[in-house]
Amino acid sequence: DIIELLKNIFVKQDYEALGDFHMNALLVSCM
């Protein structure tokens, strides 16, 4: 629920929600 997640970050400043996002996503990057 990406909208609810962003609401928690912006309104409640709940940065644990950001951690939940990372746990469900794979970062694919190139440096």
PDB file of all heavy atoms in Angstrom:
ATOM      1  N   ASP A   1       0.865  -1.180   0.000  1.00  0.00           N
ATOM      2  CA  ASP A   1       0.000   0.000   0.000  1.00  0.00           C
ATOM      3  C   ASP A   1       0.896   1.222   0.000  1.00  0.00           C
ATOM      4  O   ASP A   1       1.187   1.810   1.047  1.00  0.00           O
ATOM      5  CB  ASP A   1      -0.915  -0.017   1.232  1.00  0.00           C
ATOM      6  CG  ASP A   1      -1.986   1.068   1.160  1.00  0.00           C
ATOM      7  OD1 ASP A   1      -1.817   2.018   0.369  1.00  0.00           O
ATOM      8  OD2 ASP A   1      -2.974   0.962   1.908  1.00  0.00           O
ATOM      9  N   ILE A   2       1.355   1.606  -1.186  1.00  0.00           N
ATOM     10  CA  ILE A   2       2.383   2.630  -1.308  1.00  0.00           C
ATOM     11  C   ILE A   2       1.889   3.997  -0.848  1.00  0.00           C
ATOM     12  O   ILE A   2       2.637   4.770  -0.237  1.00  0.00           O
ATOM     13  CB  ILE A   2       2.923   2.692  -2.764  1.00  0.00           C
ATOM     14  CG1 ILE A   2       4.104   3.649  -2.866  1.00  0.00           C
ATOM     15  CG2 ILE A   2       1.825   3.059  -3.741  1.00  0.00           C
ATOM     16  CD1 ILE A   2       5.333   3.205  -2.123  1.00  0.00           C
ATOM     17  N   ILE A   3       0.641   4.328  -1.103  1.00  0.00           N
ATOM     18  CA  ILE A   3       0.129   5.635  -0.682  1.00  0.00           C
ATOM     19  C   ILE A   3       0.069   5.717   0.842  1.00  0.00           C
ATOM     20  O   ILE A   3       0.477   6.722   1.444  1.00  0.00           O
ATOM     21  CB  ILE A   3      -1.244   5.921  -1.319  1.00  0.00           C
ATOM     22  CG1 ILE A   3      -1.075   6.139  -2.832  1.00  0.00           C
ATOM     23  CG2 ILE A   3      -1.900   7.138  -0.674  1.00  0.00           C
ATOM     24  CD1 ILE A   3      -2.363   6.462  -3.563  1.00  0.00           C
ATOM     25  N   GLU A   4      -0.422   4.667   1.473  1.00  0.00           N
ATOM     26  CA  GLU A   4      -0.484   4.656   2.935  1.00  0.00           C
ATOM     27  C   GLU A   4       0.918   4.714   3.538  1.00  0.00           C
ATOM     28  O   GLU A   4       1.158   5.392   4.550  1.00  0.00           O
ATOM     29  CB  GLU A   4      -1.207   3.401   3.421  1.00  0.00           C
ATOM     30  CG  GLU A   4      -1.524   3.391   4.898  1.00  0.00           C
ATOM     31  CD  GLU A   4      -2.478   4.508   5.304  1.00  0.00           C
ATOM     32  OE1 GLU A   4      -3.276   4.961   4.454  1.00  0.00           O
ATOM     33  OE2 GLU A   4      -2.403   4.938   6.484  1.00  0.00           O
ATOM     34  N   LEU A   5       1.864   4.021   2.907  1.00  0.00           N
ATOM     35  CA  LEU A   5       3.246   4.040   3.379  1.00  0.00           C
ATOM     36  C   LEU A   5       3.812   5.453   3.335  1.00  0.00           C
ATOM     37  O   LEU A   5       4.434   5.924   4.292  1.00  0.00           O
ATOM     38  CB  LEU A   5       4.079   3.082   2.517  1.00  0.00           C
ATOM     39  CG  LEU A   5       5.559   2.893   2.887  1.00  0.00           C
ATOM     40  CD1 LEU A   5       6.001   1.474   2.543  1.00  0.00           C
ATOM     41  CD2 LEU A   5       6.460   3.883   2.143  1.00  0.00           C
ATOM     42  N   LEU A   6       3.600   6.152   2.218  1.00  0.00           N
ATOM     43  CA  LEU A   6       4.105   7.519   2.085  1.00  0.00           C
ATOM     44  C   LEU A   6       3.406   8.467   3.061  1.00  0.00           C
ATOM     45  O   LEU A   6       4.044   9.380   3.606  1.00  0.00           O
ATOM     46  CB  LEU A   6       3.935   8.005   0.644  1.00  0.00           C
ATOM     47  CG  LEU A   6       4.861   7.337  -0.378  1.00  0.00           C
ATOM     48  CD1 LEU A   6       4.461   7.707  -1.800  1.00  0.00           C
ATOM     49  CD2 LEU A   6       6.316   7.721  -0.121  1.00  0.00           C
ATOM     50  N   LYS A   7       2.130   8.255   3.295  1.00  0.00           N
ATOM     51  CA  LYS A   7       1.413   9.072   4.282  1.00  0.00           C
ATOM     52  C   LYS A   7       2.055   8.920   5.663  1.00  0.00           C
ATOM     53  O   LYS A   7       2.243   9.885   6.396  1.00  0.00           O
ATOM     54  CB  LYS A   7      -0.059   8.666   4.345  1.00  0.00           C
ATOM     55  CG  LYS A   7      -0.918   9.169   3.206  1.00  0.00           C
ATOM     56  CD  LYS A   7      -2.359   8.706   3.412  1.00  0.00           C
ATOM     57  CE  LYS A   7      -3.261   9.134   2.261  1.00  0.00           C
ATOM     58  NZ  LYS A   7      -4.657   8.644   2.449  1.00  0.00           N
ATOM     59  N   ASN A   8       2.385   7.676   6.018  1.00  0.00           N
ATOM     60  CA  ASN A   8       3.005   7.435   7.321  1.00  0.00           C
ATOM     61  C   ASN A   8       4.357   8.129   7.440  1.00  0.00           C
ATOM     62  O   ASN A   8       4.716   8.635   8.505  1.00  0.00           O
ATOM     63  CB  ASN A   8       3.178   5.933   7.561  1.00  0.00           C
ATOM     64  CG  ASN A   8       1.869   5.247   7.884  1.00  0.00           C
ATOM     65  OD1 ASN A   8       0.938   5.879   8.369  1.00  0.00           O
ATOM     66  ND2 ASN A   8       1.787   3.957   7.606  1.00  0.00           N
ATOM     67  N   ILE A   9       5.093   8.151   6.334  1.00  0.00           N
ATOM     68  CA  ILE A   9       6.400   8.811   6.342  1.00  0.00           C
ATOM     69  C   ILE A   9       6.223  10.325   6.449  1.00  0.00           C
ATOM     70  O   ILE A   9       6.881  10.998   7.253  1.00  0.00           O
ATOM     71  CB  ILE A   9       7.201   8.448   5.075  1.00  0.00           C
ATOM     72  CG1 ILE A   9       7.562   6.962   5.089  1.00  0.00           C
ATOM     73  CG2 ILE A   9       8.463   9.298   4.979  1.00  0.00           C
ATOM     74  CD1 ILE A   9       8.166   6.461   3.800  1.00  0.00           C
ATOM     75  N   PHE A  10       5.326  10.880   5.627  1.00  0.00           N
ATOM     76  CA  PHE A  10       5.185  12.335   5.559  1.00  0.00           C
ATOM     77  C   PHE A  10       4.431  12.912   6.752  1.00  0.00           C
ATOM     78  O   PHE A  10       4.850  13.910   7.335  1.00  0.00           O
ATOM     79  CB  PHE A  10       4.465  12.730   4.267  1.00  0.00           C
ATOM     80  CG  PHE A  10       5.228  12.394   3.018  1.00  0.00           C
ATOM     81  CD1 PHE A  10       4.570  12.288   1.795  1.00  0.00           C
ATOM     82  CD2 PHE A  10       6.591  12.180   3.046  1.00  0.00           C
ATOM     83  CE1 PHE A  10       5.269  11.989   0.637  1.00  0.00           C
ATOM     84  CE2 PHE A  10       7.299  11.871   1.896  1.00  0.00           C
ATOM     85  CZ  PHE A  10       6.628  11.768   0.686  1.00  0.00           C
ATOM     86  N   VAL A  11       3.316  12.309   7.104  1.00  0.00           N
ATOM     87  CA  VAL A  11       2.450  12.886   8.130  1.00  0.00           C
ATOM     88  C   VAL A  11       2.900  12.472   9.531  1.00  0.00           C
ATOM     89  O   VAL A  11       3.071  13.309  10.418  1.00  0.00           O
ATOM     90  CB  VAL A  11       0.974  12.486   7.900  1.00  0.00           C
ATOM     91  CG1 VAL A  11       0.090  13.066   8.997  1.00  0.00           C
ATOM     92  CG2 VAL A  11       0.511  12.964   6.529  1.00  0.00           C
ATOM     93  N   LYS A  12       3.108  11.178   9.729  1.00  0.00           N
ATOM     94  CA  LYS A  12       3.486  10.683  11.059  1.00  0.00           C
ATOM     95  C   LYS A  12       5.000  10.661  11.259  1.00  0.00           C
ATOM     96  O   LYS A  12       5.466  10.428  12.375  1.00  0.00           O
ATOM     97  CB  LYS A  12       2.934   9.264  11.258  1.00  0.00           C
ATOM     98  CG  LYS A  12       1.411   9.177  11.181  1.00  0.00           C
ATOM     99  CD  LYS A  12       0.952   7.734  11.365  1.00  0.00           C
ATOM    100  CE  LYS A  12      -0.557   7.604  11.227  1.00  0.00           C
ATOM    101  NZ  LYS A  12      -1.007   6.199  11.369  1.00  0.00           N
ATOM    102  N   GLN A  13       5.734  10.919  10.176  1.00  0.00           N
ATOM    103  CA  GLN A  13       7.204  10.829  10.199  1.00  0.00           C
ATOM    104  C   GLN A  13       7.624   9.467  10.767  1.00  0.00           C
ATOM    105  O   GLN A  13       8.528   9.355  11.596  1.00  0.00           O
ATOM    106  CB  GLN A  13       7.816  11.986  10.985  1.00  0.00           C
ATOM    107  CG  GLN A  13       7.523  13.330  10.321  1.00  0.00           C
ATOM    108  CD  GLN A  13       8.257  14.489  10.948  1.00  0.00           C
ATOM    109  OE1 GLN A  13       9.397  14.346  11.375  1.00  0.00           O
ATOM    110  NE2 GLN A  13       7.628  15.652  10.989  1.00  0.00           N
ATOM    111  N   ASP A  14       6.932   8.434  10.298  1.00  0.00           N
ATOM    112  CA  ASP A  14       7.184   7.053  10.702  1.00  0.00           C
ATOM    113  C   ASP A  14       8.174   6.436   9.715  1.00  0.00           C
ATOM    114  O   ASP A  14       7.794   5.891   8.683  1.00  0.00           O
ATOM    115  CB  ASP A  14       5.864   6.262  10.708  1.00  0.00           C
ATOM    116  CG  ASP A  14       6.073   4.791  11.035  1.00  0.00           C
ATOM    117  OD1 ASP A  14       7.194   4.438  11.458  1.00  0.00           O
ATOM    118  OD2 ASP A  14       5.132   4.002  10.857  1.00  0.00           O
ATOM    119  N   TYR A  15       9.457   6.540  10.044  1.00  0.00           N
ATOM    120  CA  TYR A  15      10.478   6.082   9.100  1.00  0.00           C
ATOM    121  C   TYR A  15      10.673   4.569   9.132  1.00  0.00           C
ATOM    122  O   TYR A  15      11.390   4.018   8.296  1.00  0.00           O
ATOM    123  CB  TYR A  15      11.789   6.822   9.362  1.00  0.00           C
ATOM    124  CG  TYR A  15      11.631   8.316   9.213  1.00  0.00           C
ATOM    125  CD1 TYR A  15      11.931   9.178  10.250  1.00  0.00           C
ATOM    126  CD2 TYR A  15      11.111   8.856   8.033  1.00  0.00           C
ATOM    127  CE1 TYR A  15      11.749  10.547  10.123  1.00  0.00           C
ATOM    128  CE2 TYR A  15      10.924  10.220   7.894  1.00  0.00           C
ATOM    129  CZ  TYR A  15      11.247  11.066   8.939  1.00  0.00           C
ATOM    130  OH  TYR A  15      11.058  12.418   8.805  1.00  0.00           O
ATOM    131  N   GLU A  16      10.023   3.897  10.086  1.00  0.00           N
ATOM    132  CA  GLU A  16      10.039   2.431  10.058  1.00  0.00           C
ATOM    133  C   GLU A  16       9.301   1.929   8.821  1.00  0.00           C
ATOM    134  O   GLU A  16       9.601   0.854   8.301  1.00  0.00           O
ATOM    135  CB  GLU A  16       9.392   1.872  11.322  1.00  0.00           C
ATOM    136  CG  GLU A  16      10.247   2.025  12.566  1.00  0.00           C
ATOM    137  CD  GLU A  16       9.651   1.304  13.757  1.00  0.00           C
ATOM    138  OE1 GLU A  16       8.688   0.538  13.559  1.00  0.00           O
ATOM    139  OE2 GLU A  16      10.150   1.511  14.874  1.00  0.00           O
ATOM    140  N   ALA A  17       8.343   2.736   8.357  1.00  0.00           N
ATOM    141  CA  ALA A  17       7.617   2.369   7.136  1.00  0.00           C
ATOM    142  C   ALA A  17       8.565   2.298   5.952  1.00  0.00           C
ATOM    143  O   ALA A  17       8.405   1.470   5.047  1.00  0.00           O
ATOM    144  CB  ALA A  17       6.503   3.387   6.861  1.00  0.00           C
ATOM    145  N   LEU A  18       9.574   3.163   5.957  1.00  0.00           N
ATOM    146  CA  LEU A  18      10.569   3.142   4.887  1.00  0.00           C
ATOM    147  C   LEU A  18      11.369   1.846   4.934  1.00  0.00           C
ATOM    148  O   LEU A  18      11.708   1.267   3.906  1.00  0.00           O
ATOM    149  CB  LEU A  18      11.497   4.351   5.020  1.00  0.00           C
ATOM    150  CG  LEU A  18      12.273   4.792   3.781  1.00  0.00           C
ATOM    151  CD1 LEU A  18      11.350   5.045   2.601  1.00  0.00           C
ATOM    152  CD2 LEU A  18      13.091   6.035   4.083  1.00  0.00           C
ATOM    153  N   GLY A  19      11.635   1.385   6.149  1.00  0.00           N
ATOM    154  CA  GLY A  19      12.314   0.098   6.306  1.00  0.00           C
ATOM    155  C   GLY A  19      11.485  -1.041   5.773  1.00  0.00           C
ATOM    156  O   GLY A  19      12.008  -1.965   5.133  1.00  0.00           O
ATOM    157  N   ASP A  20      10.176  -0.984   6.003  1.00  0.00           N
ATOM    158  CA  ASP A  20       9.280  -2.015   5.471  1.00  0.00           C
ATOM    159  C   ASP A  20       9.319  -2.033   3.947  1.00  0.00           C
ATOM    160  O   ASP A  20       9.271  -3.094   3.317  1.00  0.00           O
ATOM    161  CB  ASP A  20       7.849  -1.770   5.951  1.00  0.00           C
ATOM    162  CG  ASP A  20       7.699  -1.966   7.450  1.00  0.00           C
ATOM    163  OD1 ASP A  20       8.562  -2.656   8.037  1.00  0.00           O
ATOM    164  OD2 ASP A  20       6.745  -1.415   8.028  1.00  0.00           O
ATOM    165  N   PHE A  21       9.389  -0.840   3.359  1.00  0.00           N
ATOM    166  CA  PHE A  21       9.484  -0.740   1.897  1.00  0.00           C
ATOM    167  C   PHE A  21      10.727  -1.473   1.401  1.00  0.00           C
ATOM    168  O   PHE A  21      10.675  -2.269   0.458  1.00  0.00           O
ATOM    169  CB  PHE A  21       9.520   0.732   1.491  1.00  0.00           C
ATOM    170  CG  PHE A  21       9.855   0.962   0.041  1.00  0.00           C
ATOM    171  CD1 PHE A  21       8.846   0.947  -0.923  1.00  0.00           C
ATOM    172  CD2 PHE A  21      11.160   1.197  -0.374  1.00  0.00           C
ATOM    173  CE1 PHE A  21       9.140   1.170  -2.257  1.00  0.00           C
ATOM    174  CE2 PHE A  21      11.464   1.413  -1.707  1.00  0.00           C
ATOM    175  CZ  PHE A  21      10.448   1.397  -2.649  1.00  0.00           C
ATOM    176  N   HIS A  22      11.863  -1.216   2.037  1.00  0.00           N
ATOM    177  CA  HIS A  22      13.119  -1.832   1.608  1.00  0.00           C
ATOM    178  C   HIS A  22      13.098  -3.348   1.787  1.00  0.00           C
ATOM    179  O   HIS A  22      13.730  -4.075   1.010  1.00  0.00           O
ATOM    180  CB  HIS A  22      14.289  -1.222   2.378  1.00  0.00           C
ATOM    181  CG  HIS A  22      14.665   0.157   1.943  1.00  0.00           C
ATOM    182  ND1 HIS A  22      15.310   0.408   0.752  1.00  0.00           N
ATOM    183  CD2 HIS A  22      14.471   1.360   2.515  1.00  0.00           C
ATOM    184  CE1 HIS A  22      15.506   1.709   0.623  1.00  0.00           C
ATOM    185  NE2 HIS A  22      14.994   2.316   1.672  1.00  0.00           N
ATOM    186  N   MET A  23      12.381  -3.831   2.778  1.00  0.00           N
ATOM    187  CA  MET A  23      12.334  -5.273   3.026  1.00  0.00           C
ATOM    188  C   MET A  23      11.580  -6.012   1.923  1.00  0.00           C
ATOM    189  O   MET A  23      11.804  -7.193   1.691  1.00  0.00           O
ATOM    190  CB  MET A  23      11.663  -5.548   4.369  1.00  0.00           C
ATOM    191  CG  MET A  23      12.490  -5.108   5.567  1.00  0.00           C
ATOM    192  SD  MET A  23      14.013  -6.051   5.776  1.00  0.00           S
ATOM    193  CE  MET A  23      13.349  -7.589   6.403  1.00  0.00           C
ATOM    194  N   ASN A  24      10.682  -5.309   1.234  1.00  0.00           N
ATOM    195  CA  ASN A  24       9.881  -5.945   0.192  1.00  0.00           C
ATOM    196  C   ASN A  24      10.377  -5.656  -1.218  1.00  0.00           C
ATOM    197  O   ASN A  24       9.805  -6.145  -2.190  1.00  0.00           O
ATOM    198  CB  ASN A  24       8.420  -5.486   0.312  1.00  0.00           C
ATOM    199  CG  ASN A  24       7.747  -6.064   1.534  1.00  0.00           C
ATOM    200  OD1 ASN A  24       7.678  -7.274   1.691  1.00  0.00           O
ATOM    201  ND2 ASN A  24       7.265  -5.203   2.418  1.00  0.00           N
ATOM    202  N   ALA A  25      11.430  -4.840  -1.316  1.00  0.00           N
ATOM    203  CA  ALA A  25      11.914  -4.421  -2.630  1.00  0.00           C
ATOM    204  C   ALA A  25      13.353  -4.876  -2.839  1.00  0.00           C
ATOM    205  O   ALA A  25      14.105  -5.082  -1.883  1.00  0.00           O
ATOM    206  CB  ALA A  25      11.824  -2.906  -2.761  1.00  0.00           C
ATOM    207  N   LEU A  26      13.725  -5.023  -4.092  1.00  0.00           N
ATOM    208  CA  LEU A  26      15.112  -5.307  -4.450  1.00  0.00           C
ATOM    209  C   LEU A  26      15.686  -4.079  -5.141  1.00  0.00           C
ATOM    210  O   LEU A  26      15.157  -3.629  -6.163  1.00  0.00           O
ATOM    211  CB  LEU A  26      15.202  -6.516  -5.392  1.00  0.00           C
ATOM    212  CG  LEU A  26      16.630  -6.891  -5.819  1.00  0.00           C
ATOM    213  CD1 LEU A  26      17.370  -7.562  -4.664  1.00  0.00           C
ATOM    214  CD2 LEU A  26      16.608  -7.816  -7.046  1.00  0.00           C
ATOM    215  N   LEU A  27      16.737  -3.524  -4.582  1.00  0.00           N
ATOM    216  CA  LEU A  27      17.432  -2.420  -5.225  1.00  0.00           C
ATOM    217  C   LEU A  27      18.385  -2.988  -6.274  1.00  0.00           C
ATOM    218  O   LEU A  27      19.270  -3.788  -5.942  1.00  0.00           O
ATOM    219  CB  LEU A  27      18.210  -1.606  -4.190  1.00  0.00           C
ATOM    220  CG  LEU A  27      19.104  -0.489  -4.749  1.00  0.00           C
ATOM    221  CD1 LEU A  27      18.278   0.576  -5.455  1.00  0.00           C
ATOM    222  CD2 LEU A  27      19.957   0.130  -3.646  1.00  0.00           C
ATOM    223  N   VAL A  28      18.197  -2.595  -7.516  1.00  0.00           N
ATOM    224  CA  VAL A  28      19.109  -2.980  -8.604  1.00  0.00           C
ATOM    225  C   VAL A  28      19.847  -1.719  -9.018  1.00  0.00           C
ATOM    226  O   VAL A  28      19.228  -0.751  -9.485  1.00  0.00           O
ATOM    227  CB  VAL A  28      18.350  -3.573  -9.802  1.00  0.00           C
ATOM    228  CG1 VAL A  28      19.332  -3.953 -10.918  1.00  0.00           C
ATOM    229  CG2 VAL A  28      17.541  -4.790  -9.376  1.00  0.00           C
ATOM    230  N   SER A  29      21.152  -1.708  -8.830  1.00  0.00           N
ATOM    231  CA  SER A  29      21.917  -0.485  -9.075  1.00  0.00           C
ATOM    232  C   SER A  29      23.227  -0.786  -9.776  1.00  0.00           C
ATOM    233  O   SER A  29      23.663  -1.937  -9.862  1.00  0.00           O
ATOM    234  CB  SER A  29      22.180   0.241  -7.749  1.00  0.00           C
ATOM    235  OG  SER A  29      22.895  -0.590  -6.852  1.00  0.00           O
ATOM    236  N   CYS A  30      23.842   0.281 -10.258  1.00  0.00           N
ATOM    237  CA  CYS A  30      25.147   0.171 -10.915  1.00  0.00           C
ATOM    238  C   CYS A  30      25.975   1.372 -10.494  1.00  0.00           C
ATOM    239  O   CYS A  30      25.528   2.519 -10.604  1.00  0.00           O
ATOM    240  CB  CYS A  30      24.987   0.140 -12.429  1.00  0.00           C
ATOM    241  SG  CYS A  30      26.558   0.082 -13.340  1.00  0.00           S
ATOM    242  N   MET A  31      27.149   1.110  -9.996  1.00  0.00           N
ATOM    243  CA  MET A  31      28.062   2.163  -9.556  1.00  0.00           C
ATOM    244  C   MET A  31      29.365   2.016 -10.338  1.00  0.00           C
ATOM    245  O   MET A  31      30.018   0.983 -10.267  1.00  0.00           O
ATOM    246  CB  MET A  31      28.320   2.018  -8.053  1.00  0.00           C
ATOM    247  CG  MET A  31      29.033   3.174  -7.409  1.00  0.00           C
ATOM    248  SD  MET A  31      29.271   2.857  -5.642  1.00  0.00           S
ATOM    249  CE  MET A  31      27.579   2.661  -5.096  1.00  0.00           C
TER     250      MET A  31
END
